[in-house]
């Protein structure tokens, strides 16, 4: 890149990476508070501290479940890829086992076939 190309980058706003730190923190706090509020007013005889623990504990359970689903999805996709490769290999071996004798028979017939109209090319050789 030329120095004129680099000048265009210096005009833009630098930073802004803290948003990606504070956004999940804010989402976790709001979701945990909402679950705590729901636990407190659900009709159970929970104290405020118990409902906060239940709300944030439920949020932790949700997050762990999402990560578990993600890991299961990745492992399932790897297993499916291995299954497709194994199935493809099985199909190839089956076609080879079935096709080889058929191809051998066809080639043997072609090899043993004599042209009907052609006589011996060199009758003096007999």
Protein backbone atom coordinates (compact mmCIF):
# COMPACT_ATOMS: atom_id res chain seq x y z
CA UNK A 1 0.00 0.00 0.00
CA UNK A 2 1.18 3.47 -0.75
CA UNK A 3 1.44 6.18 1.86
CA UNK A 4 -1.63 7.87 0.35
CA UNK A 5 -3.63 4.70 1.05
CA UNK A 6 -2.52 4.69 4.66
CA UNK A 7 -3.70 8.27 5.15
CA UNK A 8 -7.30 7.22 4.64
CA UNK A 9 -7.08 4.92 7.67
CA UNK A 10 -5.90 7.66 10.00
CA UNK A 11 -9.09 9.65 9.40
CA UNK A 12 -11.35 6.92 10.75
CA UNK A 13 -12.35 6.42 14.36
CA UNK A 14 -9.99 4.23 16.32
CA UNK A 15 -11.02 2.02 19.19
CA UNK A 16 -14.59 1.02 19.82
CA UNK A 17 -13.53 -2.43 20.95
CA UNK A 18 -14.88 -1.92 24.45
CA UNK A 19 -18.39 -2.26 23.05
CA UNK A 20 -17.75 -5.95 22.46
CA UNK A 21 -16.72 -6.28 26.10
CA UNK A 22 -19.59 -4.35 27.66
CA UNK A 23 -22.40 -5.60 25.43
CA UNK A 24 -22.27 -9.23 26.67
CA UNK A 25 -21.79 -8.04 30.25
CA UNK A 26 -24.86 -5.84 29.95
CA UNK A 27 -26.89 -8.64 28.35
CA UNK A 28 -25.89 -11.05 31.14
CA UNK A 29 -26.82 -8.53 33.83
CA UNK A 30 -30.18 -7.67 32.27
CA UNK A 31 -31.10 -11.31 31.58
CA UNK A 32 -30.02 -12.39 35.07
CA UNK A 33 -31.98 -9.55 36.65
CA UNK A 34 -35.06 -10.46 34.61
CA UNK A 35 -34.83 -14.11 35.64
CA UNK A 36 -34.28 -13.06 39.26
CA UNK A 37 -37.31 -10.78 39.11
CA UNK A 38 -39.39 -13.62 37.65
CA UNK A 39 -38.16 -16.01 40.35
CA UNK A 40 -38.99 -13.54 43.12
CA UNK A 41 -42.55 -12.91 41.94
CA UNK A 42 -43.30 -16.47 40.82
CA UNK A 43 -45.30 -17.30 43.93
CA UNK A 44 -42.54 -19.24 45.66
CA UNK A 45 -41.42 -18.22 49.11
CA UNK A 46 -37.94 -17.13 48.00
CA UNK A 47 -36.01 -14.34 49.58
CA UNK A 48 -34.38 -11.66 47.42
CA UNK A 49 -30.96 -13.30 47.69
CA UNK A 50 -32.36 -16.72 46.82
CA UNK A 51 -34.22 -15.35 43.81
CA UNK A 52 -31.06 -13.57 42.57
CA UNK A 53 -29.14 -16.83 42.94
CA UNK A 54 -31.90 -18.72 41.15
CA UNK A 55 -32.10 -16.17 38.33
CA UNK A 56 -28.38 -16.02 37.64
CA UNK A 57 -28.08 -19.77 38.19
CA UNK A 58 -30.76 -20.30 35.55
CA UNK A 59 -28.87 -17.99 33.20
CA UNK A 60 -25.70 -20.01 33.77
CA UNK A 61 -27.69 -23.15 32.96
CA UNK A 62 -28.91 -21.58 29.72
CA UNK A 63 -25.38 -20.56 28.70
CA UNK A 64 -23.95 -23.99 29.55
CA UNK A 65 -26.76 -25.61 27.56
CA UNK A 66 -26.01 -23.43 24.54
CA UNK A 67 -22.31 -24.31 24.69
CA UNK A 68 -23.17 -27.98 25.09
CA UNK A 69 -25.43 -27.81 22.05
CA UNK A 70 -22.65 -26.14 20.07
CA UNK A 71 -20.14 -28.82 21.04
CA UNK A 72 -22.69 -31.53 20.20
CA UNK A 73 -23.33 -29.91 16.83
CA UNK A 74 -19.63 -29.82 15.96
CA UNK A 75 -19.12 -33.43 17.06
CA UNK A 76 -22.23 -34.48 15.12
CA UNK A 77 -20.99 -32.77 11.97
CA UNK A 78 -17.60 -34.47 12.26
CA UNK A 79 -19.34 -37.81 12.76
CA UNK A 80 -21.56 -37.17 9.74
CA UNK A 81 -18.50 -36.37 7.64
CA UNK A 82 -16.84 -39.60 8.72
CA UNK A 83 -20.08 -41.47 7.97
CA UNK A 84 -20.32 -39.97 4.48
CA UNK A 85 -16.69 -40.92 3.78
CA UNK A 86 -17.27 -44.47 5.04
CA UNK A 87 -20.46 -44.80 3.00
CA UNK A 88 -18.68 -43.51 -0.10
CA UNK A 89 -15.89 -46.03 0.43
CA UNK A 90 -18.42 -48.81 0.90
CA UNK A 91 -20.18 -47.87 -2.33
CA UNK A 92 -16.87 -47.76 -4.18
CA UNK A 93 -15.82 -51.18 -2.89
CA UNK A 94 -19.24 -52.63 -3.72
CA UNK A 95 -19.11 -51.28 -7.26
CA UNK A 96 -15.58 -52.64 -7.62
CA UNK A 97 -16.59 -56.10 -6.39
CA UNK A 98 -19.67 -56.21 -8.59
CA UNK A 99 -18.15 -54.46 -11.59
CA UNK A 100 -14.80 -56.26 -11.82
CA UNK A 101 -16.17 -59.66 -12.86
CA UNK A 102 -18.57 -58.04 -15.31
CA UNK A 103 -15.77 -56.01 -16.90
CA UNK A 104 -13.53 -59.10 -16.98
CA UNK A 105 -16.24 -61.15 -18.73
CA UNK A 106 -16.87 -58.39 -21.28
CA UNK A 107 -13.14 -58.04 -22.01
CA UNK A 108 -12.75 -61.83 -22.30
CA UNK A 109 -15.62 -61.98 -24.79
CA UNK A 110 -14.10 -59.14 -26.81
CA UNK A 111 -10.70 -60.84 -26.74
CA UNK A 112 -11.99 -64.23 -27.87
CA UNK A 113 -14.25 -62.86 -30.58
CA UNK A 114 -13.05 -63.40 -34.14
CA UNK A 115 -14.15 -61.28 -37.02
CA UNK A 116 -16.46 -63.32 -39.29
CA UNK A 117 -15.45 -61.79 -42.62
CA UNK A 118 -11.69 -61.69 -42.11
CA UNK A 119 -9.71 -64.66 -43.26
CA UNK A 120 -6.26 -65.50 -42.10
CA UNK A 121 -4.04 -62.53 -42.94
CA UNK A 122 -1.12 -64.77 -43.94
CA UNK A 123 -2.26 -68.16 -45.30
CA UNK A 124 1.32 -69.13 -46.13
CA UNK A 125 2.27 -69.14 -42.46
CA UNK A 126 0.37 -72.44 -41.89
